PDB file of N, CA and C in Angstrom:
ATOM      1  N   MET A   1     -18.025 -92.691  24.777  1.00  0.00           N
ATOM      2  CA  MET A   1     -17.913 -91.290  24.227  1.00  0.00           C
ATOM      3  C   MET A   1     -19.173 -90.895  24.358  1.00  0.00           C
ATOM      4  N   ASP A   2     -20.381 -91.169  24.635  1.00  0.00           N
ATOM      5  CA  ASP A   2     -21.815 -90.320  25.189  1.00  0.00           C
ATOM      6  C   ASP A   2     -21.589 -89.518  25.982  1.00  0.00           C
ATOM      7  N   GLN A   3     -20.784 -89.734  27.022  1.00  0.00           N
ATOM      8  CA  GLN A   3     -20.322 -88.942  27.989  1.00  0.00           C
ATOM      9  C   GLN A   3     -19.966 -87.606  27.735  1.00  0.00           C
ATOM     10  N   TYR A   4     -19.052 -87.631  26.737  1.00  0.00           N
ATOM     11  CA  TYR A   4     -18.376 -86.290  26.144  1.00  0.00           C
ATOM     12  C   TYR A   4     -19.473 -85.441  25.320  1.00  0.00           C
ATOM     13  N   ILE A   5     -20.614 -86.252  24.400  1.00  0.00           N
ATOM     14  CA  ILE A   5     -21.612 -85.701  23.859  1.00  0.00           C
ATOM     15  C   ILE A   5     -22.564 -84.972  24.662  1.00  0.00           C
ATOM     16  N   SER A   6     -22.826 -85.581  25.836  1.00  0.00           N
ATOM     17  CA  SER A   6     -24.065 -85.112  27.053  1.00  0.00           C
ATOM     18  C   SER A   6     -23.285 -83.796  27.619  1.00  0.00           C
ATOM     19  N   VAL A   7     -21.787 -83.732  27.654  1.00  0.00           N
ATOM     20  CA  VAL A   7     -21.056 -82.299  28.364  1.00  0.00           C
ATOM     21  C   VAL A   7     -21.200 -81.358  27.294  1.00  0.00           C
ATOM     22  N   LEU A   8     -21.203 -81.743  26.063  1.00  0.00           N
ATOM     23  CA  LEU A   8     -21.086 -80.773  24.947  1.00  0.00           C
ATOM     24  C   LEU A   8     -22.588 -80.101  24.857  1.00  0.00           C
ATOM     25  N   TYR A   9     -23.495 -80.881  24.925  1.00  0.00           N
ATOM     26  CA  TYR A   9     -24.765 -80.568  24.743  1.00  0.00           C
ATOM     27  C   TYR A   9     -25.310 -79.560  25.643  1.00  0.00           C
ATOM     28  N   ARG A  10     -24.751 -79.886  26.958  1.00  0.00           N
ATOM     29  CA  ARG A  10     -25.355 -79.081  28.195  1.00  0.00           C
ATOM     30  C   ARG A  10     -24.514 -78.028  27.994  1.00  0.00           C
ATOM     31  N   ILE A  11     -23.600 -77.547  27.514  1.00  0.00           N
ATOM     32  CA  ILE A  11     -22.710 -76.261  27.173  1.00  0.00           C
ATOM     33  C   ILE A  11     -23.495 -75.545  26.413  1.00  0.00           C
ATOM     34  N   VAL A  12     -23.965 -76.325  25.317  1.00  0.00           N
ATOM     35  CA  VAL A  12     -24.610 -75.261  24.395  1.00  0.00           C
ATOM     36  C   VAL A  12     -25.993 -74.969  24.868  1.00  0.00           C
ATOM     37  N   LYS A  13     -26.809 -76.243  25.682  1.00  0.00           N
ATOM     38  CA  LYS A  13     -27.731 -75.645  26.190  1.00  0.00           C
ATOM     39  C   LYS A  13     -28.168 -74.879  27.069  1.00  0.00           C
ATOM     40  N   ASP A  14     -27.246 -74.798  28.072  1.00  0.00           N
ATOM     41  CA  ASP A  14     -27.522 -74.547  29.227  1.00  0.00           C
ATOM     42  C   ASP A  14     -27.044 -72.942  29.478  1.00  0.00           C
ATOM     43  N   GLY A  15     -25.772 -72.882  28.568  1.00  0.00           N
ATOM     44  CA  GLY A  15     -24.812 -71.626  28.681  1.00  0.00           C
ATOM     45  C   GLY A  15     -25.546 -70.649  27.871  1.00  0.00           C
ATOM     46  N   SER A  16     -24.930 -69.460  27.808  1.00  0.00           N
ATOM     47  CA  SER A  16     -25.319 -67.904  27.178  1.00  0.00           C
ATOM     48  C   SER A  16     -25.317 -68.341  25.684  1.00  0.00           C
ATOM     49  N   LYS A  17     -26.317 -68.069  24.944  1.00  0.00           N
ATOM     50  CA  LYS A  17     -26.623 -68.377  23.424  1.00  0.00           C
ATOM     51  C   LYS A  17     -25.818 -67.215  22.772  1.00  0.00           C
ATOM     52  N   THR A  18     -25.157 -66.110  23.263  1.00  0.00           N
ATOM     53  CA  THR A  18     -24.333 -65.426  22.811  1.00  0.00           C
ATOM     54  C   THR A  18     -22.938 -65.515  22.283  1.00  0.00           C
ATOM     55  N   ASN A  19     -22.598 -66.413  23.095  1.00  0.00           N
ATOM     56  CA  ASN A  19     -21.456 -66.861  22.588  1.00  0.00           C
ATOM     57  C   ASN A  19     -20.916 -67.765  21.599  1.00  0.00           C
ATOM     58  N   SER A  20     -20.704 -67.079  20.301  1.00  0.00           N
ATOM     59  CA  SER A  20     -20.408 -67.848  19.226  1.00  0.00           C
ATOM     60  C   SER A  20     -19.115 -68.845  19.062  1.00  0.00           C
ATOM     61  N   TYR A  21     -18.575 -68.644  20.053  1.00  0.00           N
ATOM     62  CA  TYR A  21     -17.254 -69.366  20.188  1.00  0.00           C
ATOM     63  C   TYR A  21     -17.710 -70.814  20.296  1.00  0.00           C
ATOM     64  N   LYS A  22     -18.713 -71.183  20.787  1.00  0.00           N
ATOM     65  CA  LYS A  22     -19.329 -72.645  21.276  1.00  0.00           C
ATOM     66  C   LYS A  22     -19.517 -73.213  20.008  1.00  0.00           C
ATOM     67  N   PHE A  23     -20.303 -72.599  19.160  1.00  0.00           N
ATOM     68  CA  PHE A  23     -20.353 -73.280  17.570  1.00  0.00           C
ATOM     69  C   PHE A  23     -18.962 -73.441  16.974  1.00  0.00           C
ATOM     70  N   ALA A  24     -17.943 -72.631  16.870  1.00  0.00           N
ATOM     71  CA  ALA A  24     -16.768 -73.090  16.447  1.00  0.00           C
ATOM     72  C   ALA A  24     -16.058 -74.003  17.209  1.00  0.00           C
ATOM     73  N   LEU A  25     -16.229 -74.181  18.335  1.00  0.00           N
ATOM     74  CA  LEU A  25     -15.874 -75.541  19.061  1.00  0.00           C
ATOM     75  C   LEU A  25     -16.432 -76.642  18.653  1.00  0.00           C
ATOM     76  N   TRP A  26     -17.956 -76.482  18.682  1.00  0.00           N
ATOM     77  CA  TRP A  26     -18.416 -77.866  18.239  1.00  0.00           C
ATOM     78  C   TRP A  26     -17.996 -78.205  16.797  1.00  0.00           C
ATOM     79  N   ARG A  27     -17.862 -77.213  16.086  1.00  0.00           N
ATOM     80  CA  ARG A  27     -17.686 -77.753  14.585  1.00  0.00           C
ATOM     81  C   ARG A  27     -15.988 -78.302  14.423  1.00  0.00           C
ATOM     82  N   THR A  28     -15.123 -77.718  15.441  1.00  0.00           N
ATOM     83  CA  THR A  28     -13.749 -78.013  15.695  1.00  0.00           C
ATOM     84  C   THR A  28     -13.770 -79.650  16.206  1.00  0.00           C
ATOM     85  N   LEU A  29     -14.529 -79.899  17.438  1.00  0.00           N
ATOM     86  CA  LEU A  29     -14.597 -81.205  17.772  1.00  0.00           C
ATOM     87  C   LEU A  29     -15.103 -82.139  16.980  1.00  0.00           C
ATOM     88  N   ALA A  30     -16.080 -81.861  16.114  1.00  0.00           N
ATOM     89  CA  ALA A  30     -16.483 -82.660  15.157  1.00  0.00           C
ATOM     90  C   ALA A  30     -15.793 -83.239  14.149  1.00  0.00           C
ATOM     91  N   ARG A  31     -14.821 -82.148  13.690  1.00  0.00           N
ATOM     92  CA  ARG A  31     -13.881 -82.431  12.568  1.00  0.00           C
ATOM     93  C   ARG A  31     -12.712 -83.362  13.032  1.00  0.00           C
ATOM     94  N   LEU A  32     -12.521 -83.162  14.457  1.00  0.00           N
ATOM     95  CA  LEU A  32     -11.335 -83.969  14.854  1.00  0.00           C
ATOM     96  C   LEU A  32     -11.678 -85.006  15.299  1.00  0.00           C
ATOM     97  N   ALA A  33     -12.955 -85.122  15.895  1.00  0.00           N
ATOM     98  CA  ALA A  33     -13.411 -86.527  16.465  1.00  0.00           C
ATOM     99  C   ALA A  33     -13.316 -87.641  15.335  1.00  0.00           C
ATOM    100  N   HIS A  34     -13.550 -87.070  14.056  1.00  0.00           N
ATOM    101  CA  HIS A  34     -13.535 -88.031  13.090  1.00  0.00           C
ATOM    102  C   HIS A  34     -12.112 -89.161  13.025  1.00  0.00           C
ATOM    103  N   HIS A  35     -11.158 -88.376  13.413  1.00  0.00           N
ATOM    104  CA  HIS A  35      -9.885 -88.930  13.232  1.00  0.00           C
ATOM    105  C   HIS A  35      -9.307 -89.518  14.736  1.00  0.00           C
ATOM    106  N   SER A  36     -10.154 -89.468  15.592  1.00  0.00           N
ATOM    107  CA  SER A  36      -9.800 -89.843  16.971  1.00  0.00           C
ATOM    108  C   SER A  36     -10.273 -91.323  17.380  1.00  0.00           C
ATOM    109  N   ASP A  37      -9.819 -92.147  18.107  1.00  0.00           N
ATOM    110  CA  ASP A  37     -10.181 -93.347  18.521  1.00  0.00           C
ATOM    111  C   ASP A  37     -11.309 -93.273  19.318  1.00  0.00           C
ATOM    112  N   GLU A  38     -12.439 -94.062  18.967  1.00  0.00           N
ATOM    113  CA  GLU A  38     -13.825 -94.074  19.406  1.00  0.00           C
ATOM    114  C   GLU A  38     -13.460 -94.384  20.872  1.00  0.00           C
ATOM    115  N   HIS A  39     -12.765 -95.396  21.341  1.00  0.00           N
ATOM    116  CA  HIS A  39     -12.838 -95.764  22.826  1.00  0.00           C
ATOM    117  C   HIS A  39     -12.024 -94.974  23.447  1.00  0.00           C
ATOM    118  N   THR A  40     -11.170 -94.342  22.977  1.00  0.00           N
ATOM    119  CA  THR A  40     -10.027 -93.296  23.547  1.00  0.00           C
ATOM    120  C   THR A  40      -9.996 -92.146  22.917  1.00  0.00           C
ATOM    121  N   PRO A  41     -11.074 -91.152  22.988  1.00  0.00           N
ATOM    122  CA  PRO A  41     -11.270 -90.002  21.990  1.00  0.00           C
ATOM    123  C   PRO A  41      -9.913 -89.246  22.960  1.00  0.00           C
ATOM    124  N   ILE A  42      -8.864 -88.874  21.942  1.00  0.00           N
ATOM    125  CA  ILE A  42      -7.946 -87.831  22.460  1.00  0.00           C
ATOM    126  C   ILE A  42      -7.544 -86.961  21.342  1.00  0.00           C
ATOM    127  N   ILE A  43      -8.087 -85.576  21.989  1.00  0.00           N
ATOM    128  CA  ILE A  43      -7.751 -84.580  20.730  1.00  0.00           C
ATOM    129  C   ILE A  43      -6.711 -83.706  21.400  1.00  0.00           C
ATOM    130  N   SER A  44      -5.461 -83.165  20.968  1.00  0.00           N
ATOM    131  CA  SER A  44      -4.288 -82.602  21.436  1.00  0.00           C
ATOM    132  C   SER A  44      -4.718 -80.871  21.459  1.00  0.00           C
ATOM    133  N   ARG A  45      -4.318 -80.189  22.329  1.00  0.00           N
ATOM    134  CA  ARG A  45      -4.653 -78.541  22.334  1.00  0.00           C
ATOM    135  C   ARG A  45      -3.937 -78.232  21.095  1.00  0.00           C
ATOM    136  N   ASN A  46      -3.267 -78.519  20.725  1.00  0.00           N
ATOM    137  CA  ASN A  46      -2.390 -77.946  19.514  1.00  0.00           C
ATOM    138  C   ASN A  46      -3.151 -78.078  18.189  1.00  0.00           C
ATOM    139  N   ASN A  47      -3.758 -79.614  18.276  1.00  0.00           N
ATOM    140  CA  ASN A  47      -4.818 -79.517  17.085  1.00  0.00           C
ATOM    141  C   ASN A  47      -6.189 -78.881  17.471  1.00  0.00           C
ATOM    142  N   LEU A  48      -6.528 -78.727  18.206  1.00  0.00           N
ATOM    143  CA  LEU A  48      -8.065 -78.194  18.683  1.00  0.00           C
ATOM    144  C   LEU A  48      -7.509 -76.862  18.608  1.00  0.00           C
ATOM    145  N   ALA A  49      -6.529 -75.954  18.971  1.00  0.00           N
ATOM    146  CA  ALA A  49      -6.139 -74.813  19.037  1.00  0.00           C
ATOM    147  C   ALA A  49      -6.097 -74.252  17.246  1.00  0.00           C
ATOM    148  N   ALA A  50      -5.562 -75.190  16.486  1.00  0.00           N
ATOM    149  CA  ALA A  50      -5.606 -74.537  15.146  1.00  0.00           C
ATOM    150  C   ALA A  50      -6.798 -74.538  14.158  1.00  0.00           C
ATOM    151  N   VAL A  51      -7.395 -75.941  14.379  1.00  0.00           N
ATOM    152  CA  VAL A  51      -8.652 -75.862  13.901  1.00  0.00           C
ATOM    153  C   VAL A  51      -9.706 -74.816  14.296  1.00  0.00           C
ATOM    154  N   PHE A  52      -9.851 -74.638  15.600  1.00  0.00           N
ATOM    155  CA  PHE A  52     -10.874 -73.941  16.057  1.00  0.00           C
ATOM    156  C   PHE A  52     -10.507 -72.190  15.744  1.00  0.00           C
ATOM    157  N   LEU A  53      -9.383 -72.000  15.583  1.00  0.00           N
ATOM    158  CA  LEU A  53      -8.859 -70.447  14.944  1.00  0.00           C
ATOM    159  C   LEU A  53      -9.307 -70.678  13.153  1.00  0.00           C
ATOM    160  N   GLU A  54      -9.291 -71.713  12.639  1.00  0.00           N
ATOM    161  CA  GLU A  54      -9.359 -71.658  11.469  1.00  0.00           C
ATOM    162  C   GLU A  54     -10.931 -71.394  11.212  1.00  0.00           C
ATOM    163  N   TYR A  55     -11.951 -71.850  11.868  1.00  0.00           N
ATOM    164  CA  TYR A  55     -13.079 -71.608  12.187  1.00  0.00           C
ATOM    165  C   TYR A  55     -13.770 -70.281  12.651  1.00  0.00           C
ATOM    166  N   TYR A  56     -12.931 -69.863  13.836  1.00  0.00           N
ATOM    167  CA  TYR A  56     -13.456 -68.728  14.549  1.00  0.00           C
ATOM    168  C   TYR A  56     -12.801 -67.407  14.232  1.00  0.00           C
ATOM    169  N   TRP A  57     -11.697 -67.357  13.776  1.00  0.00           N
ATOM    170  CA  TRP A  57     -10.903 -65.988  13.600  1.00  0.00           C
ATOM    171  C   TRP A  57     -11.213 -65.367  12.430  1.00  0.00           C
ATOM    172  N   PRO A  58     -11.605 -65.904  11.188  1.00  0.00           N
ATOM    173  CA  PRO A  58     -12.205 -65.054  10.380  1.00  0.00           C
ATOM    174  C   PRO A  58     -13.423 -64.281  10.582  1.00  0.00           C
ATOM    175  N   LEU A  59     -14.320 -64.913  11.216  1.00  0.00           N
ATOM    176  CA  LEU A  59     -15.430 -64.450  11.937  1.00  0.00           C
ATOM    177  C   LEU A  59     -15.153 -63.087  12.939  1.00  0.00           C
ATOM    178  N   GLU A  60     -14.419 -63.638  13.825  1.00  0.00           N
ATOM    179  CA  GLU A  60     -13.903 -62.414  14.516  1.00  0.00           C
ATOM    180  C   GLU A  60     -13.419 -61.251  13.946  1.00  0.00           C
ATOM    181  N   VAL A  61     -12.608 -61.507  12.808  1.00  0.00           N
ATOM    182  CA  VAL A  61     -11.794 -60.462  11.988  1.00  0.00           C
ATOM    183  C   VAL A  61     -12.889 -59.498  11.453  1.00  0.00           C
ATOM    184  N   LYS A  62     -13.907 -60.201  10.766  1.00  0.00           N
ATOM    185  CA  LYS A  62     -14.979 -59.631   9.761  1.00  0.00           C
ATOM    186  C   LYS A  62     -16.141 -58.856  10.769  1.00  0.00           C
ATOM    187  N   TYR A  63     -16.651 -59.662  11.884  1.00  0.00           N
ATOM    188  CA  TYR A  63     -17.547 -59.163  12.622  1.00  0.00           C
ATOM    189  C   TYR A  63     -17.437 -58.457  14.172  1.00  0.00           C
ATOM    190  N   HIS A  64     -16.386 -58.597  14.303  1.00  0.00           N
ATOM    191  CA  HIS A  64     -15.883 -58.448  15.740  1.00  0.00           C
ATOM    192  C   HIS A  64     -16.902 -58.737  16.565  1.00  0.00           C
ATOM    193  N   LEU A  65     -16.890 -60.110  16.801  1.00  0.00           N
ATOM    194  CA  LEU A  65     -17.703 -60.532  17.708  1.00  0.00           C
ATOM    195  C   LEU A  65     -17.451 -60.307  19.242  1.00  0.00           C
ATOM    196  N   ARG A  66     -18.617 -60.298  19.942  1.00  0.00           N
ATOM    197  CA  ARG A  66     -18.238 -59.833  21.242  1.00  0.00           C
ATOM    198  C   ARG A  66     -18.905 -61.397  21.987  1.00  0.00           C
ATOM    199  N   GLN A  67     -18.008 -61.444  23.297  1.00  0.00           N
ATOM    200  CA  GLN A  67     -18.082 -62.598  24.091  1.00  0.00           C
ATOM    201  C   GLN A  67     -18.488 -62.229  25.449  1.00  0.00           C
ATOM    202  N   GLN A  68     -19.095 -61.207  25.612  1.00  0.00           N
ATOM    203  CA  GLN A  68     -19.660 -60.619  26.827  1.00  0.00           C
ATOM    204  C   GLN A  68     -20.973 -60.052  26.393  1.00  0.00           C
ATOM    205  N   THR A  69     -21.975 -60.259  27.504  1.00  0.00           N
ATOM    206  CA  THR A  69     -23.097 -59.842  27.257  1.00  0.00           C
ATOM    207  C   THR A  69     -23.739 -58.105  27.667  1.00  0.00           C
ATOM    208  N   ASP A  70     -22.482 -57.479  28.062  1.00  0.00           N
ATOM    209  CA  ASP A  70     -22.584 -55.988  28.240  1.00  0.00           C
ATOM    210  C   ASP A  70     -22.186 -55.433  27.306  1.00  0.00           C
ATOM    211  N   PRO A  71     -23.202 -54.890  26.425  1.00  0.00           N
ATOM    212  CA  PRO A  71     -22.553 -54.350  24.822  1.00  0.00           C
ATOM    213  C   PRO A  71     -21.538 -53.046  25.290  1.00  0.00           C
ATOM    214  N   ASP A  72     -21.688 -52.231  26.496  1.00  0.00           N
ATOM    215  CA  ASP A  72     -20.777 -51.446  26.592  1.00  0.00           C
ATOM    216  C   ASP A  72     -19.509 -51.540  27.100  1.00  0.00           C
ATOM    217  N   LYS A  73     -19.015 -53.127  27.417  1.00  0.00           N
ATOM    218  CA  LYS A  73     -18.120 -53.546  27.701  1.00  0.00           C
ATOM    219  C   LYS A  73     -17.169 -54.153  27.043  1.00  0.00           C
ATOM    220  N   ASP A  74     -15.782 -54.218  26.652  1.00  0.00           N
ATOM    221  CA  ASP A  74     -15.137 -55.199  25.856  1.00  0.00           C
ATOM    222  C   ASP A  74     -14.900 -56.491  26.740  1.00  0.00           C
ATOM    223  N   PRO A  75     -14.494 -57.446  26.014  1.00  0.00           N
ATOM    224  CA  PRO A  75     -14.299 -58.456  26.920  1.00  0.00           C
ATOM    225  C   PRO A  75     -12.945 -58.540  27.632  1.00  0.00           C
ATOM    226  N   VAL A  76     -12.666 -59.081  28.621  1.00  0.00           N
ATOM    227  CA  VAL A  76     -11.475 -58.816  29.055  1.00  0.00           C
ATOM    228  C   VAL A  76     -10.288 -59.019  28.384  1.00  0.00           C
ATOM    229  N   VAL A  77     -10.027 -60.166  27.473  1.00  0.00           N
ATOM    230  CA  VAL A  77      -9.042 -60.427  26.695  1.00  0.00           C
ATOM    231  C   VAL A  77      -8.954 -59.334  25.597  1.00  0.00           C
ATOM    232  N   MET A  78      -9.799 -58.347  25.323  1.00  0.00           N
ATOM    233  CA  MET A  78      -9.691 -57.127  24.431  1.00  0.00           C
ATOM    234  C   MET A  78      -9.555 -56.198  24.783  1.00  0.00           C
ATOM    235  N   VAL A  79      -8.999 -55.995  26.167  1.00  0.00           N
ATOM    236  CA  VAL A  79      -8.929 -54.581  26.890  1.00  0.00           C
ATOM    237  C   VAL A  79      -7.438 -54.386  26.674  1.00  0.00           C
ATOM    238  N   ARG A  80      -7.082 -53.171  26.034  1.00  0.00           N
ATOM    239  CA  ARG A  80      -5.644 -52.820  26.152  1.00  0.00           C
ATOM    240  C   ARG A  80      -5.229 -52.226  27.336  1.00  0.00           C
ATOM    241  N   PRO A  81      -4.038 -52.684  27.945  1.00  0.00           N
ATOM    242  CA  PRO A  81      -3.380 -52.302  29.115  1.00  0.00           C
ATOM    243  C   PRO A  81      -3.108 -50.973  28.852  1.00  0.00           C
ATOM    244  N   GLN A  82      -3.172 -50.141  29.785  1.00  0.00           N
ATOM    245  CA  GLN A  82      -3.111 -48.721  30.583  1.00  0.00           C
ATOM    246  C   GLN A  82      -1.393 -48.564  30.221  1.00  0.00           C
ATOM    247  N   ALA A  83      -1.060 -47.426  29.597  1.00  0.00           N
ATOM    248  CA  ALA A  83       0.300 -47.493  29.644  1.00  0.00           C
ATOM    249  C   ALA A  83       0.992 -46.697  31.193  1.00  0.00           C
ATOM    250  N   ALA A  84       1.771 -47.074  31.215  1.00  0.00           N
ATOM    251  CA  ALA A  84       2.671 -46.879  32.924  1.00  0.00           C
ATOM    252  C   ALA A  84       3.069 -45.183  32.773  1.00  0.00           C
TER     253      ALA A  84
END
């Protein structure tokens, strides 16, 4: 299990500090890890997605969080497709 903790630590330590989704991801994993087997920690994508959205989506809706460092550009997932 320690290998997973070290990977998560490196993501937060070495990655961009402006990406608030990381903290929602940490909270999600901490909550779900409690219910997984210590020797074979398996968390399904469906469980991960549901809990992650529970933590992250209300913040996104209220504060319009940006996940890109250039404040003049919208993140790719927020770009509206051009009409044909």
